[in-house]
PDB file of N, CA and C in Angstrom:
ATOM      1  N   UNK A   1       6.190 -64.585 -97.778  1.00  0.00           N
ATOM      2  CA  UNK A   1       5.527 -63.623 -96.914  1.00  0.00           C
ATOM      3  C   UNK A   1       5.136 -64.324 -95.612  1.00  0.00           C
ATOM      4  N   UNK A   2       5.296 -63.626 -94.514  1.00  0.00           N
ATOM      5  CA  UNK A   2       4.912 -64.134 -93.207  1.00  0.00           C
ATOM      6  C   UNK A   2       3.557 -63.527 -92.848  1.00  0.00           C
ATOM      7  N   UNK A   3       2.492 -64.309 -93.011  1.00  0.00           N
ATOM      8  CA  UNK A   3       1.144 -63.796 -92.777  1.00  0.00           C
ATOM      9  C   UNK A   3       0.927 -63.370 -91.338  1.00  0.00           C
ATOM     10  N   UNK A   4       1.549 -64.061 -90.394  1.00  0.00           N
ATOM     11  CA  UNK A   4       1.396 -63.683 -88.988  1.00  0.00           C
ATOM     12  C   UNK A   4       2.030 -62.320 -88.717  1.00  0.00           C
ATOM     13  N   UNK A   5       3.201 -62.070 -89.284  1.00  0.00           N
ATOM     14  CA  UNK A   5       3.857 -60.766 -89.119  1.00  0.00           C
ATOM     15  C   UNK A   5       3.016 -59.659 -89.746  1.00  0.00           C
ATOM     16  N   UNK A   6       2.468 -59.927 -90.923  1.00  0.00           N
ATOM     17  CA  UNK A   6       1.609 -58.946 -91.589  1.00  0.00           C
ATOM     18  C   UNK A   6       0.379 -58.660 -90.742  1.00  0.00           C
ATOM     19  N   UNK A   7      -0.268 -59.710 -90.255  1.00  0.00           N
ATOM     20  CA  UNK A   7      -1.465 -59.557 -89.441  1.00  0.00           C
ATOM     21  C   UNK A   7      -1.171 -58.741 -88.184  1.00  0.00           C
ATOM     22  N   UNK A   8      -0.082 -59.044 -87.504  1.00  0.00           N
ATOM     23  CA  UNK A   8       0.279 -58.308 -86.291  1.00  0.00           C
ATOM     24  C   UNK A   8       0.590 -56.850 -86.592  1.00  0.00           C
ATOM     25  N   UNK A   9       1.309 -56.588 -87.675  1.00  0.00           N
ATOM     26  CA  UNK A   9       1.640 -55.201 -88.005  1.00  0.00           C
ATOM     27  C   UNK A   9       0.402 -54.425 -88.434  1.00  0.00           C
ATOM     28  N   UNK A  10      -0.529 -55.075 -89.135  1.00  0.00           N
ATOM     29  CA  UNK A  10      -1.783 -54.400 -89.508  1.00  0.00           C
ATOM     30  C   UNK A  10      -2.593 -54.058 -88.269  1.00  0.00           C
ATOM     31  N   UNK A  11      -2.688 -54.988 -87.330  1.00  0.00           N
ATOM     32  CA  UNK A  11      -3.435 -54.724 -86.101  1.00  0.00           C
ATOM     33  C   UNK A  11      -2.822 -53.577 -85.309  1.00  0.00           C
ATOM     34  N   UNK A  12      -1.503 -53.545 -85.230  1.00  0.00           N
ATOM     35  CA  UNK A  12      -0.812 -52.472 -84.511  1.00  0.00           C
ATOM     36  C   UNK A  12      -1.081 -51.127 -85.191  1.00  0.00           C
ATOM     37  N   UNK A  13      -0.977 -51.098 -86.515  1.00  0.00           N
ATOM     38  CA  UNK A  13      -1.225 -49.873 -87.276  1.00  0.00           C
ATOM     39  C   UNK A  13      -2.663 -49.399 -87.087  1.00  0.00           C
ATOM     40  N   UNK A  14      -3.635 -50.304 -87.233  1.00  0.00           N
ATOM     41  CA  UNK A  14      -5.044 -49.928 -87.112  1.00  0.00           C
ATOM     42  C   UNK A  14      -5.392 -49.479 -85.702  1.00  0.00           C
ATOM     43  N   UNK A  15      -4.786 -50.088 -84.695  1.00  0.00           N
ATOM     44  CA  UNK A  15      -5.009 -49.652 -83.312  1.00  0.00           C
ATOM     45  C   UNK A  15      -4.491 -48.232 -83.124  1.00  0.00           C
ATOM     46  N   UNK A  16      -3.285 -47.956 -83.638  1.00  0.00           N
ATOM     47  CA  UNK A  16      -2.709 -46.617 -83.539  1.00  0.00           C
ATOM     48  C   UNK A  16      -3.579 -45.594 -84.259  1.00  0.00           C
ATOM     49  N   UNK A  17      -4.061 -45.943 -85.447  1.00  0.00           N
ATOM     50  CA  UNK A  17      -4.939 -45.044 -86.205  1.00  0.00           C
ATOM     51  C   UNK A  17      -6.232 -44.793 -85.441  1.00  0.00           C
ATOM     52  N   UNK A  18      -6.816 -45.831 -84.892  1.00  0.00           N
ATOM     53  CA  UNK A  18      -8.076 -45.684 -84.164  1.00  0.00           C
ATOM     54  C   UNK A  18      -7.943 -44.799 -82.937  1.00  0.00           C
ATOM     55  N   UNK A  19      -6.930 -45.064 -82.126  1.00  0.00           N
ATOM     56  CA  UNK A  19      -6.729 -44.284 -80.897  1.00  0.00           C
ATOM     57  C   UNK A  19      -6.376 -42.838 -81.226  1.00  0.00           C
ATOM     58  N   UNK A  20      -5.456 -42.645 -82.167  1.00  0.00           N
ATOM     59  CA  UNK A  20      -5.029 -41.286 -82.535  1.00  0.00           C
ATOM     60  C   UNK A  20      -6.162 -40.505 -83.188  1.00  0.00           C
ATOM     61  N   UNK A  21      -6.934 -41.150 -84.048  1.00  0.00           N
ATOM     62  CA  UNK A  21      -8.050 -40.485 -84.714  1.00  0.00           C
ATOM     63  C   UNK A  21      -9.105 -40.053 -83.707  1.00  0.00           C
ATOM     64  N   UNK A  22      -9.423 -40.924 -82.761  1.00  0.00           N
ATOM     65  CA  UNK A  22     -10.418 -40.584 -81.746  1.00  0.00           C
ATOM     66  C   UNK A  22      -9.968 -39.374 -80.938  1.00  0.00           C
ATOM     67  N   UNK A  23      -8.715 -39.355 -80.550  1.00  0.00           N
ATOM     68  CA  UNK A  23      -8.173 -38.232 -79.770  1.00  0.00           C
ATOM     69  C   UNK A  23      -8.265 -36.934 -80.564  1.00  0.00           C
ATOM     70  N   UNK A  24      -7.889 -36.967 -81.831  1.00  0.00           N
ATOM     71  CA  UNK A  24      -7.933 -35.766 -82.676  1.00  0.00           C
ATOM     72  C   UNK A  24      -9.366 -35.263 -82.854  1.00  0.00           C
ATOM     73  N   UNK A  25     -10.304 -36.184 -83.059  1.00  0.00           N
ATOM     74  CA  UNK A  25     -11.701 -35.787 -83.217  1.00  0.00           C
ATOM     75  C   UNK A  25     -12.228 -35.170 -81.929  1.00  0.00           C
ATOM     76  N   UNK A  26     -11.929 -35.784 -80.797  1.00  0.00           N
ATOM     77  CA  UNK A  26     -12.387 -35.244 -79.506  1.00  0.00           C
ATOM     78  C   UNK A  26     -11.857 -33.834 -79.282  1.00  0.00           C
ATOM     79  N   UNK A  27     -10.583 -33.604 -79.591  1.00  0.00           N
ATOM     80  CA  UNK A  27      -9.998 -32.260 -79.428  1.00  0.00           C
ATOM     81  C   UNK A  27     -10.649 -31.263 -80.383  1.00  0.00           C
ATOM     82  N   UNK A  28     -10.894 -31.687 -81.623  1.00  0.00           N
ATOM     83  CA  UNK A  28     -11.506 -30.791 -82.608  1.00  0.00           C
ATOM     84  C   UNK A  28     -12.936 -30.432 -82.220  1.00  0.00           C
ATOM     85  N   UNK A  29     -13.691 -31.398 -81.708  1.00  0.00           N
ATOM     86  CA  UNK A  29     -15.063 -31.135 -81.266  1.00  0.00           C
ATOM     87  C   UNK A  29     -15.048 -30.159 -80.095  1.00  0.00           C
ATOM     88  N   UNK A  30     -14.172 -30.391 -79.124  1.00  0.00           N
ATOM     89  CA  UNK A  30     -14.094 -29.501 -77.957  1.00  0.00           C
ATOM     90  C   UNK A  30     -13.745 -28.084 -78.391  1.00  0.00           C
ATOM     91  N   UNK A  31     -12.786 -27.938 -79.306  1.00  0.00           N
ATOM     92  CA  UNK A  31     -12.388 -26.606 -79.777  1.00  0.00           C
ATOM     93  C   UNK A  31     -13.528 -25.930 -80.532  1.00  0.00           C
ATOM     94  N   UNK A  32     -14.231 -26.679 -81.375  1.00  0.00           N
ATOM     95  CA  UNK A  32     -15.336 -26.102 -82.145  1.00  0.00           C
ATOM     96  C   UNK A  32     -16.477 -25.674 -81.227  1.00  0.00           C
ATOM     97  N   UNK A  33     -16.747 -26.465 -80.184  1.00  0.00           N
ATOM     98  CA  UNK A  33     -17.774 -26.080 -79.215  1.00  0.00           C
ATOM     99  C   UNK A  33     -17.369 -24.813 -78.475  1.00  0.00           C
ATOM    100  N   UNK A  34     -16.121 -24.761 -78.054  1.00  0.00           N
ATOM    101  CA  UNK A  34     -15.618 -23.599 -77.304  1.00  0.00           C
ATOM    102  C   UNK A  34     -15.691 -22.323 -78.136  1.00  0.00           C
ATOM    103  N   UNK A  35     -15.426 -22.436 -79.425  1.00  0.00           N
ATOM    104  CA  UNK A  35     -15.423 -21.259 -80.301  1.00  0.00           C
ATOM    105  C   UNK A  35     -16.805 -20.971 -80.884  1.00  0.00           C
ATOM    106  N   UNK A  36     -17.787 -21.805 -80.558  1.00  0.00           N
ATOM    107  CA  UNK A  36     -19.148 -21.576 -81.045  1.00  0.00           C
ATOM    108  C   UNK A  36     -19.363 -21.946 -82.497  1.00  0.00           C
ATOM    109  N   UNK A  37     -18.464 -22.708 -83.094  1.00  0.00           N
ATOM    110  CA  UNK A  37     -18.609 -23.105 -84.496  1.00  0.00           C
ATOM    111  C   UNK A  37     -19.638 -24.207 -84.667  1.00  0.00           C
ATOM    112  N   UNK A  38     -19.887 -24.966 -83.593  1.00  0.00           N
ATOM    113  CA  UNK A  38     -20.929 -25.981 -83.601  1.00  0.00           C
ATOM    114  C   UNK A  38     -21.714 -25.859 -82.298  1.00  0.00           C
ATOM    115  N   UNK A  39     -22.954 -26.356 -82.308  1.00  0.00           N
ATOM    116  CA  UNK A  39     -23.806 -26.250 -81.124  1.00  0.00           C
ATOM    117  C   UNK A  39     -23.723 -27.485 -80.239  1.00  0.00           C
ATOM    118  N   UNK A  40     -23.377 -28.625 -80.839  1.00  0.00           N
ATOM    119  CA  UNK A  40     -23.246 -29.846 -80.059  1.00  0.00           C
ATOM    120  C   UNK A  40     -24.303 -30.886 -80.346  1.00  0.00           C
ATOM    121  N   UNK A  41     -25.258 -30.581 -81.201  1.00  0.00           N
ATOM    122  CA  UNK A  41     -26.296 -31.542 -81.545  1.00  0.00           C
ATOM    123  C   UNK A  41     -26.204 -32.039 -82.978  1.00  0.00           C
ATOM    124  N   UNK A  42     -25.192 -31.595 -83.680  1.00  0.00           N
ATOM    125  CA  UNK A  42     -25.055 -31.903 -85.102  1.00  0.00           C
ATOM    126  C   UNK A  42     -24.673 -33.369 -85.349  1.00  0.00           C
ATOM    127  N   UNK A  43     -24.895 -33.762 -86.595  1.00  0.00           N
ATOM    128  CA  UNK A  43     -24.326 -34.984 -87.148  1.00  0.00           C
ATOM    129  C   UNK A  43     -23.393 -34.517 -88.255  1.00  0.00           C
ATOM    130  N   UNK A  44     -22.121 -34.868 -88.129  1.00  0.00           N
ATOM    131  CA  UNK A  44     -21.108 -34.383 -89.055  1.00  0.00           C
ATOM    132  C   UNK A  44     -20.637 -35.490 -89.981  1.00  0.00           C
ATOM    133  N   UNK A  45     -20.619 -35.239 -91.297  1.00  0.00           N
ATOM    134  CA  UNK A  45     -20.076 -36.247 -92.202  1.00  0.00           C
ATOM    135  C   UNK A  45     -18.574 -36.384 -91.960  1.00  0.00           C
ATOM    136  N   UNK A  46     -18.069 -37.593 -92.131  1.00  0.00           N
ATOM    137  CA  UNK A  46     -16.645 -37.847 -91.924  1.00  0.00           C
ATOM    138  C   UNK A  46     -16.143 -38.810 -92.996  1.00  0.00           C
ATOM    139  N   UNK A  47     -14.895 -38.627 -93.382  1.00  0.00           N
ATOM    140  CA  UNK A  47     -14.248 -39.505 -94.354  1.00  0.00           C
ATOM    141  C   UNK A  47     -12.867 -39.884 -93.829  1.00  0.00           C
ATOM    142  N   UNK A  48     -12.531 -41.148 -93.946  1.00  0.00           N
ATOM    143  CA  UNK A  48     -11.199 -41.644 -93.595  1.00  0.00           C
ATOM    144  C   UNK A  48     -10.596 -42.215 -94.862  1.00  0.00           C
ATOM    145  N   UNK A  49      -9.385 -41.810 -95.187  1.00  0.00           N
ATOM    146  CA  UNK A  49      -8.715 -42.316 -96.378  1.00  0.00           C
ATOM    147  C   UNK A  49      -7.508 -43.146 -95.964  1.00  0.00           C
ATOM    148  N   UNK A  50      -7.432 -44.344 -96.502  1.00  0.00           N
ATOM    149  CA  UNK A  50      -6.309 -45.253 -96.265  1.00  0.00           C
ATOM    150  C   UNK A  50      -5.466 -45.293 -97.526  1.00  0.00           C
ATOM    151  N   UNK A  51      -4.185 -45.017 -97.379  1.00  0.00           N
ATOM    152  CA  UNK A  51      -3.283 -45.065 -98.526  1.00  0.00           C
ATOM    153  C   UNK A  51      -2.070 -45.921 -98.185  1.00  0.00           C
ATOM    154  N   UNK A  52      -1.766 -46.854 -99.063  1.00  0.00           N
ATOM    155  CA  UNK A  52      -0.554 -47.659 -98.972  1.00  0.00           C
ATOM    156  C   UNK A  52       0.108 -47.561-100.344  1.00  0.00           C
ATOM    157  N   UNK A  53       0.951 -46.524-100.526  1.00  0.00           N
ATOM    158  CA  UNK A  53       1.524 -46.273-101.848  1.00  0.00           C
ATOM    159  C   UNK A  53       2.249 -47.476-102.455  1.00  0.00           C
ATOM    160  N   UNK A  54       2.942 -48.257-101.636  1.00  0.00           N
ATOM    161  CA  UNK A  54       3.670 -49.409-102.157  1.00  0.00           C
ATOM    162  C   UNK A  54       2.771 -50.473-102.760  1.00  0.00           C
ATOM    163  N   UNK A  55       1.503 -50.442-102.418  1.00  0.00           N
ATOM    164  CA  UNK A  55       0.525 -51.384-102.980  1.00  0.00           C
ATOM    165  C   UNK A  55      -0.403 -50.704-103.983  1.00  0.00           C
ATOM    166  N   UNK A  56      -0.170 -49.441-104.237  1.00  0.00           N
ATOM    167  CA  UNK A  56      -1.037 -48.628-105.087  1.00  0.00           C
ATOM    168  C   UNK A  56      -2.485 -48.720-104.600  1.00  0.00           C
ATOM    169  N   UNK A  57      -2.636 -48.620-103.263  1.00  0.00           N
ATOM    170  CA  UNK A  57      -3.946 -48.700-102.630  1.00  0.00           C
ATOM    171  C   UNK A  57      -4.326 -47.349-102.062  1.00  0.00           C
ATOM    172  N   UNK A  58      -5.486 -46.887-102.420  1.00  0.00           N
ATOM    173  CA  UNK A  58      -6.067 -45.696-101.812  1.00  0.00           C
ATOM    174  C   UNK A  58      -7.574 -45.895-101.803  1.00  0.00           C
ATOM    175  N   UNK A  59      -8.134 -45.949-100.596  1.00  0.00           N
ATOM    176  CA  UNK A  59      -9.567 -46.191-100.455  1.00  0.00           C
ATOM    177  C   UNK A  59     -10.101 -45.277 -99.357  1.00  0.00           C
ATOM    178  N   UNK A  60     -11.309 -44.768 -99.562  1.00  0.00           N
ATOM    179  CA  UNK A  60     -11.940 -43.884 -98.584  1.00  0.00           C
ATOM    180  C   UNK A  60     -13.144 -44.574 -97.969  1.00  0.00           C
ATOM    181  N   UNK A  61     -13.351 -44.287 -96.694  1.00  0.00           N
ATOM    182  CA  UNK A  61     -14.493 -44.810 -95.950  1.00  0.00           C
ATOM    183  C   UNK A  61     -15.296 -43.619 -95.459  1.00  0.00           C
ATOM    184  N   UNK A  62     -16.590 -43.602 -95.758  1.00  0.00           N
ATOM    185  CA  UNK A  62     -17.458 -42.491 -95.373  1.00  0.00           C
ATOM    186  C   UNK A  62     -18.373 -42.919 -94.243  1.00  0.00           C
ATOM    187  N   UNK A  63     -18.634 -41.972 -93.356  1.00  0.00           N
ATOM    188  CA  UNK A  63     -19.532 -42.224 -92.248  1.00  0.00           C
ATOM    189  C   UNK A  63     -19.984 -40.902 -91.666  1.00  0.00           C
ATOM    190  N   UNK A  64     -20.425 -40.945 -90.417  1.00  0.00           N
ATOM    191  CA  UNK A  64     -20.873 -39.723 -89.764  1.00  0.00           C
ATOM    192  C   UNK A  64     -20.573 -39.786 -88.278  1.00  0.00           C
ATOM    193  N   UNK A  65     -20.409 -38.606 -87.700  1.00  0.00           N
ATOM    194  CA  UNK A  65     -20.175 -38.471 -86.268  1.00  0.00           C
ATOM    195  C   UNK A  65     -21.389 -37.774 -85.684  1.00  0.00           C
ATOM    196  N   UNK A  66     -22.110 -38.477 -84.830  1.00  0.00           N
ATOM    197  CA  UNK A  66     -23.297 -37.910 -84.186  1.00  0.00           C
ATOM    198  C   UNK A  66     -22.882 -37.324 -82.847  1.00  0.00           C
ATOM    199  N   UNK A  67     -23.115 -36.019 -82.663  1.00  0.00           N
ATOM    200  CA  UNK A  67     -22.715 -35.352 -81.445  1.00  0.00           C
ATOM    201  C   UNK A  67     -23.758 -35.455 -80.341  1.00  0.00           C
ATOM    202  N   UNK A  68     -24.934 -35.985 -80.674  1.00  0.00           N
ATOM    203  CA  UNK A  68     -25.989 -36.158 -79.673  1.00  0.00           C
ATOM    204  C   UNK A  68     -26.778 -37.408 -80.019  1.00  0.00           C
ATOM    205  N   UNK A  69     -27.350 -38.031 -78.983  1.00  0.00           N
ATOM    206  CA  UNK A  69     -28.171 -39.227 -79.203  1.00  0.00           C
ATOM    207  C   UNK A  69     -29.476 -38.825 -79.895  1.00  0.00           C
ATOM    208  N   UNK A  70     -29.991 -39.736 -80.643  1.00  0.00           N
ATOM    209  CA  UNK A  70     -31.244 -39.455 -81.372  1.00  0.00           C
ATOM    210  C   UNK A  70     -32.429 -39.675 -80.491  1.00  0.00           C
TER     211      UNK A  70
END
């Protein structure tokens, strides 16, 4: 196994996930605000699931998205 290749590919994958996820969340928040489904001051629970079937890995990370400063 080439650890450097693995490390570089993981970083590339995680960067893509981070940028794409942020964009999707921003669009979803804007749409929900426009349609009146949220007011804009909420804290929303969020879950991210990572799956790598070839490694039989599936793990979820829980957190929250705060739409306003406390």
